[in-house]
Amino acid sequence: MTPDGATVLLHAQDRGRRNLYALPIDGGPETVPRLLAPGGATGDVAAAGNGLAVFVRQSFHRPADLWTVALDGAGSSPRPR
């Protein structure tokens, strides 16, 4: 959950990959989860309070590492930290 309580951060499987999504709480029939971090396996997510989500990402080829991504999805891609 984001600090303002407006968005839930969640993981969901899609074609064998565990992606990170943001879902606004205000709802409505057109509310669709926003993809924040595709591919690999994501886990242990938290909102950092500065407009970023911090999460763990790993794959068969990389060990677990901390990554960040903008919560609004404004043209940013996940980055290792």
C-alpha atoms as a PDB file:
ATOM      1  CA  MET A   1       0.000   0.000   0.000  1.00  0.00           C
ATOM      2  CA  THR A   2       1.253   3.488  -0.779  1.00  0.00           C
ATOM      3  CA  PRO A   3       1.688   5.935   2.139  1.00  0.00           C
ATOM      4  CA  ASP A   4      -1.399   7.922   1.068  1.00  0.00           C
ATOM      5  CA  GLY A   5      -3.516   4.745   1.049  1.00  0.00           C
ATOM      6  CA  ALA A   6      -4.620   5.377  -2.552  1.00  0.00           C
ATOM      7  CA  THR A   7      -2.848   2.463  -4.265  1.00  0.00           C
ATOM      8  CA  VAL A   8      -2.255  -1.209  -3.525  1.00  0.00           C
ATOM      9  CA  LEU A   9       1.002  -2.769  -4.726  1.00  0.00           C
ATOM     10  CA  LEU A  10       0.577  -6.406  -5.743  1.00  0.00           C
ATOM     11  CA  HIS A  11       2.167  -9.297  -7.581  1.00  0.00           C
ATOM     12  CA  ALA A  12       0.439 -11.427 -10.200  1.00  0.00           C
ATOM     13  CA  GLN A  13       1.496 -14.270 -12.458  1.00  0.00           C
ATOM     14  CA  ASP A  14       1.375 -13.715 -16.208  1.00  0.00           C
ATOM     15  CA  ARG A  15       2.665 -16.407 -18.557  1.00  0.00           C
ATOM     16  CA  GLY A  16       4.958 -17.912 -15.949  1.00  0.00           C
ATOM     17  CA  ARG A  17       6.402 -14.609 -14.730  1.00  0.00           C
ATOM     18  CA  ARG A  18       5.645 -12.822 -11.482  1.00  0.00           C
ATOM     19  CA  ASN A  19       5.077  -9.131 -12.262  1.00  0.00           C
ATOM     20  CA  LEU A  20       4.636  -6.105  -9.978  1.00  0.00           C
ATOM     21  CA  TYR A  21       1.481  -3.994 -10.392  1.00  0.00           C
ATOM     22  CA  ALA A  22      -0.105  -0.883  -8.848  1.00  0.00           C
ATOM     23  CA  LEU A  23      -3.899  -0.816  -8.439  1.00  0.00           C
ATOM     24  CA  PRO A  24      -5.746   2.396  -7.452  1.00  0.00           C
ATOM     25  CA  ILE A  25      -8.175   1.858  -4.570  1.00  0.00           C
ATOM     26  CA  ASP A  26     -10.751   4.373  -5.826  1.00  0.00           C
ATOM     27  CA  GLY A  27     -11.882   1.596  -8.166  1.00  0.00           C
ATOM     28  CA  GLY A  28     -14.535   1.845 -10.816  1.00  0.00           C
ATOM     29  CA  PRO A  29     -15.215  -0.506 -13.713  1.00  0.00           C
ATOM     30  CA  GLU A  30     -12.344   0.883 -15.802  1.00  0.00           C
ATOM     31  CA  THR A  31      -9.722   0.413 -13.088  1.00  0.00           C
ATOM     32  CA  VAL A  32      -6.933  -1.755 -14.454  1.00  0.00           C
ATOM     33  CA  PRO A  33      -3.741  -2.711 -12.610  1.00  0.00           C
ATOM     34  CA  ARG A  34      -0.751  -0.701 -13.909  1.00  0.00           C
ATOM     35  CA  LEU A  35       2.283  -2.848 -14.724  1.00  0.00           C
ATOM     36  CA  LEU A  36       5.316  -1.467 -12.860  1.00  0.00           C
ATOM     37  CA  ALA A  37       7.902  -4.226 -13.239  1.00  0.00           C
ATOM     38  CA  PRO A  38       7.518  -6.997 -15.815  1.00  0.00           C
ATOM     39  CA  GLY A  39       9.236 -10.331 -16.008  1.00  0.00           C
ATOM     40  CA  GLY A  40      11.400 -12.455 -13.795  1.00  0.00           C
ATOM     41  CA  ALA A  41      10.231 -12.880 -10.253  1.00  0.00           C
ATOM     42  CA  THR A  42       9.378  -9.927  -8.034  1.00  0.00           C
ATOM     43  CA  GLY A  43       8.765 -10.008  -4.313  1.00  0.00           C
ATOM     44  CA  ASP A  44       8.779  -8.113  -1.017  1.00  0.00           C
ATOM     45  CA  VAL A  45       7.503  -4.744  -2.249  1.00  0.00           C
ATOM     46  CA  ALA A  46       7.154  -1.523  -0.236  1.00  0.00           C
ATOM     47  CA  ALA A  47       6.338   2.072  -1.119  1.00  0.00           C
ATOM     48  CA  ALA A  48       9.351   4.227  -0.288  1.00  0.00           C
ATOM     49  CA  GLY A  49       7.332   7.393   0.379  1.00  0.00           C
ATOM     50  CA  ASN A  50       9.134   9.396  -2.309  1.00  0.00           C
ATOM     51  CA  GLY A  51       7.086   8.227  -5.281  1.00  0.00           C
ATOM     52  CA  LEU A  52       9.073   5.005  -5.655  1.00  0.00           C
ATOM     53  CA  ALA A  53       8.384   1.361  -4.924  1.00  0.00           C
ATOM     54  CA  VAL A  54      11.280  -0.737  -3.635  1.00  0.00           C
ATOM     55  CA  PHE A  55      11.126  -4.442  -4.393  1.00  0.00           C
ATOM     56  CA  VAL A  56      13.185  -7.604  -4.709  1.00  0.00           C
ATOM     57  CA  ARG A  57      13.769  -8.996  -8.192  1.00  0.00           C
ATOM     58  CA  GLN A  58      15.483 -12.239  -9.127  1.00  0.00           C
ATOM     59  CA  SER A  59      15.712 -14.748 -11.931  1.00  0.00           C
ATOM     60  CA  PHE A  60      17.422 -18.017 -12.709  1.00  0.00           C
ATOM     61  CA  HIS A  61      20.375 -16.012 -14.015  1.00  0.00           C
ATOM     62  CA  ARG A  62      20.586 -13.335 -11.291  1.00  0.00           C
ATOM     63  CA  PRO A  63      20.478 -13.533  -7.513  1.00  0.00           C
ATOM     64  CA  ALA A  64      17.919 -11.506  -5.565  1.00  0.00           C
ATOM     65  CA  ASP A  65      18.610  -7.762  -5.561  1.00  0.00           C
ATOM     66  CA  LEU A  66      16.791  -4.558  -4.562  1.00  0.00           C
ATOM     67  CA  TRP A  67      15.185  -2.531  -7.363  1.00  0.00           C
ATOM     68  CA  THR A  68      13.145   0.685  -7.531  1.00  0.00           C
ATOM     69  CA  VAL A  69      10.431   1.893  -9.907  1.00  0.00           C
ATOM     70  CA  ALA A  70       8.236   5.022 -10.040  1.00  0.00           C
ATOM     71  CA  LEU A  71       4.753   4.351  -8.652  1.00  0.00           C
ATOM     72  CA  ASP A  72       3.078   6.464 -11.315  1.00  0.00           C
ATOM     73  CA  GLY A  73       4.799   4.526 -14.112  1.00  0.00           C
ATOM     74  CA  ALA A  74       5.778   7.850 -15.696  1.00  0.00           C
ATOM     75  CA  GLY A  75       8.267   6.612 -18.269  1.00  0.00           C
ATOM     76  CA  SER A  76      10.577   4.981 -15.778  1.00  0.00           C
ATOM     77  CA  SER A  77      11.727   1.416 -15.886  1.00  0.00           C
ATOM     78  CA  PRO A  78      12.804  -0.658 -12.886  1.00  0.00           C
ATOM     79  CA  ARG A  79      16.388   0.016 -11.798  1.00  0.00           C
ATOM     80  CA  PRO A  80      18.732  -1.922  -9.544  1.00  0.00           C
ATOM     81  CA  ARG A  81      19.773  -0.210  -6.291  1.00  0.00           C
END
